[in-house]
């Protein structure tokens, strides 16, 4: 996800992250990467702060691929030790060049359609649990940390035997005024 990419930290993810860093709670040693089918334009339209969204349930649900097709799909494990060390650099947003810090997952994660068709994949999410198709539980540890569309805002469809490789990047960049 480039710094000019869109992303949403849902309220449940923000609350979870704020409970980890300043409050000393333990972050999971493994997080999980999933695919969502809800259009990015719909996700951006949820609430003025774009945080009142929940995976597979709630008033503003974001639908996981498994909830739609369930054909050979599983979330990919992101083992904490495989994320790279934070790096710094610059990127351009509009006419502004800004400083960024980021970490990238060490290897690409590949999703392969085993049979049928996986329709309308619009992006990725990182969650604190591996259960596929289940709803988030903001009161517990089952939360989505963030959602992001593909950098080109495109939609991906996979037919049987097709694969999609994703290398997640988590970065911070102040948006220029």
Protein backbone atom coordinates (compact mmCIF):
# COMPACT_ATOMS: atom_id res chain seq x y z
CA UNK A 1 0.00 0.00 0.00
CA UNK A 2 1.68 3.20 -1.10
CA UNK A 3 1.30 6.32 0.98
CA UNK A 4 -0.95 7.76 -1.67
CA UNK A 5 -3.18 4.67 -1.40
CA UNK A 6 -6.46 4.76 0.40
CA UNK A 7 -6.93 2.95 3.69
CA UNK A 8 -9.36 2.82 6.59
CA UNK A 9 -8.56 2.07 10.20
CA UNK A 10 -11.96 0.99 11.55
CA UNK A 11 -12.88 2.10 15.05
CA UNK A 12 -12.38 -1.44 16.36
CA UNK A 13 -8.84 -1.49 14.90
CA UNK A 14 -7.97 1.93 16.31
CA UNK A 15 -9.22 0.91 19.76
CA UNK A 16 -7.25 -2.32 19.57
CA UNK A 17 -4.01 -0.59 18.52
CA UNK A 18 -4.43 2.05 21.22
CA UNK A 19 -4.81 -0.75 23.74
CA UNK A 20 -1.50 -2.28 22.64
CA UNK A 21 1.04 0.52 22.36
CA UNK A 22 0.30 2.93 25.20
CA UNK A 23 -1.42 0.46 27.52
CA UNK A 24 1.03 -2.44 27.30
CA UNK A 25 -1.35 -5.11 26.02
CA UNK A 26 0.16 -7.87 23.90
CA UNK A 27 -0.04 -7.70 20.14
CA UNK A 28 -0.61 -11.10 18.51
CA UNK A 29 2.48 -12.88 17.19
CA UNK A 30 0.54 -13.66 14.02
CA UNK A 31 -1.96 -11.49 12.19
CA UNK A 32 -3.91 -12.50 9.10
CA UNK A 33 -4.44 -11.06 5.64
CA UNK A 34 -7.88 -11.44 4.09
CA UNK A 35 -9.65 -10.27 0.94
CA UNK A 36 -12.83 -8.21 0.83
CA UNK A 37 -15.45 -7.81 -1.90
CA UNK A 38 -17.22 -4.63 -0.81
CA UNK A 39 -16.55 -1.78 -3.24
CA UNK A 40 -14.11 0.81 -1.94
CA UNK A 41 -16.52 3.62 -2.81
CA UNK A 42 -19.06 2.05 -0.44
CA UNK A 43 -16.50 1.70 2.36
CA UNK A 44 -15.43 5.34 1.99
CA UNK A 45 -19.06 6.41 2.21
CA UNK A 46 -19.55 4.92 5.70
CA UNK A 47 -19.62 7.76 8.18
CA UNK A 48 -17.74 11.02 8.10
CA UNK A 49 -14.66 9.52 9.76
CA UNK A 50 -14.85 6.26 7.75
CA UNK A 51 -14.36 4.16 10.89
CA UNK A 52 -17.85 2.80 11.62
CA UNK A 53 -17.42 -0.41 9.60
CA UNK A 54 -17.28 -4.06 10.67
CA UNK A 55 -16.36 -7.24 8.82
CA UNK A 56 -19.38 -9.36 7.79
CA UNK A 57 -21.83 -7.79 10.25
CA UNK A 58 -23.11 -4.59 11.81
CA UNK A 59 -24.71 -1.51 10.36
CA UNK A 60 -21.94 -0.97 7.80
CA UNK A 61 -20.61 -4.42 6.91
CA UNK A 62 -17.56 -5.07 4.77
CA UNK A 63 -17.95 -8.46 3.13
CA UNK A 64 -15.07 -10.91 3.16
CA UNK A 65 -14.51 -13.05 0.07
CA UNK A 66 -15.37 -16.23 2.02
CA UNK A 67 -18.79 -14.89 2.92
CA UNK A 68 -19.55 -14.63 -0.79
CA UNK A 69 -17.95 -17.68 -2.38
CA UNK A 70 -16.19 -19.86 0.20
CA UNK A 71 -14.43 -21.82 -2.56
CA UNK A 72 -10.87 -22.66 -1.51
CA UNK A 73 -10.27 -19.35 0.24
CA UNK A 74 -8.39 -18.99 3.51
CA UNK A 75 -6.76 -16.02 5.21
CA UNK A 76 -2.97 -15.91 4.95
CA UNK A 77 -0.82 -15.84 8.10
CA UNK A 78 1.43 -12.82 8.67
CA UNK A 79 4.04 -13.95 11.20
CA UNK A 80 5.31 -10.93 13.13
CA UNK A 81 9.01 -11.76 12.67
CA UNK A 82 8.69 -11.69 8.88
CA UNK A 83 7.85 -8.00 8.65
CA UNK A 84 10.92 -5.97 7.65
CA UNK A 85 12.58 -3.39 9.84
CA UNK A 86 11.07 0.08 9.55
CA UNK A 87 12.60 2.12 6.76
CA UNK A 88 12.35 5.78 5.82
CA UNK A 89 12.10 7.49 2.49
CA UNK A 90 10.02 9.95 0.56
CA UNK A 91 6.95 9.70 -1.61
CA UNK A 92 4.89 12.15 -3.61
CA UNK A 93 1.26 12.94 -2.86
CA UNK A 94 -0.09 15.41 -5.37
CA UNK A 95 2.56 18.12 -5.76
CA UNK A 96 4.11 17.44 -2.36
CA UNK A 97 7.13 15.27 -1.53
CA UNK A 98 6.85 14.00 2.03
CA UNK A 99 8.81 11.76 4.41
CA UNK A 100 7.41 8.32 5.19
CA UNK A 101 8.22 5.40 7.45
CA UNK A 102 7.16 1.93 6.46
CA UNK A 103 7.57 -1.78 6.94
CA UNK A 104 6.90 -4.39 4.28
CA UNK A 105 6.08 -8.04 4.74
CA UNK A 106 9.07 -10.16 3.72
CA UNK A 107 7.45 -12.29 1.05
CA UNK A 108 4.45 -12.08 -1.20
CA UNK A 109 1.37 -13.95 0.00
CA UNK A 110 -0.45 -15.88 -2.70
CA UNK A 111 -4.15 -16.67 -2.87
CA UNK A 112 -5.11 -19.35 -5.42
CA UNK A 113 -8.66 -20.00 -6.59
CA UNK A 114 -9.11 -23.77 -6.25
CA UNK A 115 -12.37 -24.00 -8.20
CA UNK A 116 -15.20 -21.83 -9.42
CA UNK A 117 -14.70 -18.07 -9.61
CA UNK A 118 -13.75 -15.50 -6.99
CA UNK A 119 -15.60 -12.35 -8.05
CA UNK A 120 -15.07 -8.68 -7.28
CA UNK A 121 -12.10 -8.72 -4.93
CA UNK A 122 -11.60 -5.05 -4.07
CA UNK A 123 -8.80 -5.09 -1.51
CA UNK A 124 -7.19 -6.50 1.60
CA UNK A 125 -7.60 -6.32 5.34
CA UNK A 126 -5.37 -7.29 8.25
CA UNK A 127 -7.04 -8.92 11.23
CA UNK A 128 -6.01 -10.32 14.58
CA UNK A 129 -7.67 -13.69 13.99
CA UNK A 130 -7.72 -16.48 11.40
CA UNK A 131 -11.40 -17.44 11.29
CA UNK A 132 -12.72 -17.06 7.78
CA UNK A 133 -16.19 -15.66 7.23
CA UNK A 134 -16.83 -14.82 10.87
CA UNK A 135 -17.88 -11.44 12.13
CA UNK A 136 -15.56 -9.09 13.97
CA UNK A 137 -15.84 -8.95 17.74
CA UNK A 138 -14.74 -5.42 18.71
CA UNK A 139 -15.18 -6.25 22.40
CA UNK A 140 -12.56 -9.01 22.17
CA UNK A 141 -9.40 -9.69 20.23
CA UNK A 142 -11.13 -10.57 16.96
CA UNK A 143 -10.71 -7.27 15.16
CA UNK A 144 -9.78 -5.88 11.76
CA UNK A 145 -6.80 -3.56 12.10
CA UNK A 146 -7.15 -1.90 8.69
CA UNK A 147 -8.67 -2.17 5.24
CA UNK A 148 -7.04 -1.07 1.99
CA UNK A 149 -8.13 -1.25 -1.63
CA UNK A 150 -5.68 -2.27 -4.32
CA UNK A 151 -3.44 0.70 -5.19
CA UNK A 152 -5.12 1.18 -8.58
CA UNK A 153 -8.61 0.89 -7.00
CA UNK A 154 -9.25 -1.96 -9.43
CA UNK A 155 -11.32 -5.08 -8.92
CA UNK A 156 -9.81 -8.54 -9.30
CA UNK A 157 -11.64 -11.68 -10.44
CA UNK A 158 -9.94 -15.07 -10.24
CA UNK A 159 -11.01 -18.13 -12.20
CA UNK A 160 -10.12 -21.67 -11.19
CA UNK A 161 -6.33 -22.03 -11.05
CA UNK A 162 -5.66 -18.25 -11.07
CA UNK A 163 -3.51 -16.74 -8.33
CA UNK A 164 -3.22 -13.33 -6.72
CA UNK A 165 0.05 -12.35 -4.98
CA UNK A 166 0.08 -9.54 -2.42
CA UNK A 167 2.97 -8.03 -0.45
CA UNK A 168 1.46 -5.94 2.36
CA UNK A 169 3.15 -2.69 3.36
CA UNK A 170 2.24 -0.72 6.47
CA UNK A 171 3.42 2.86 6.45
CA UNK A 172 2.84 6.23 7.98
CA UNK A 173 2.90 9.45 6.07
CA UNK A 174 1.43 12.80 7.05
CA UNK A 175 -0.98 13.91 4.41
CA UNK A 176 0.17 17.28 3.04
CA UNK A 177 -2.03 20.25 3.79
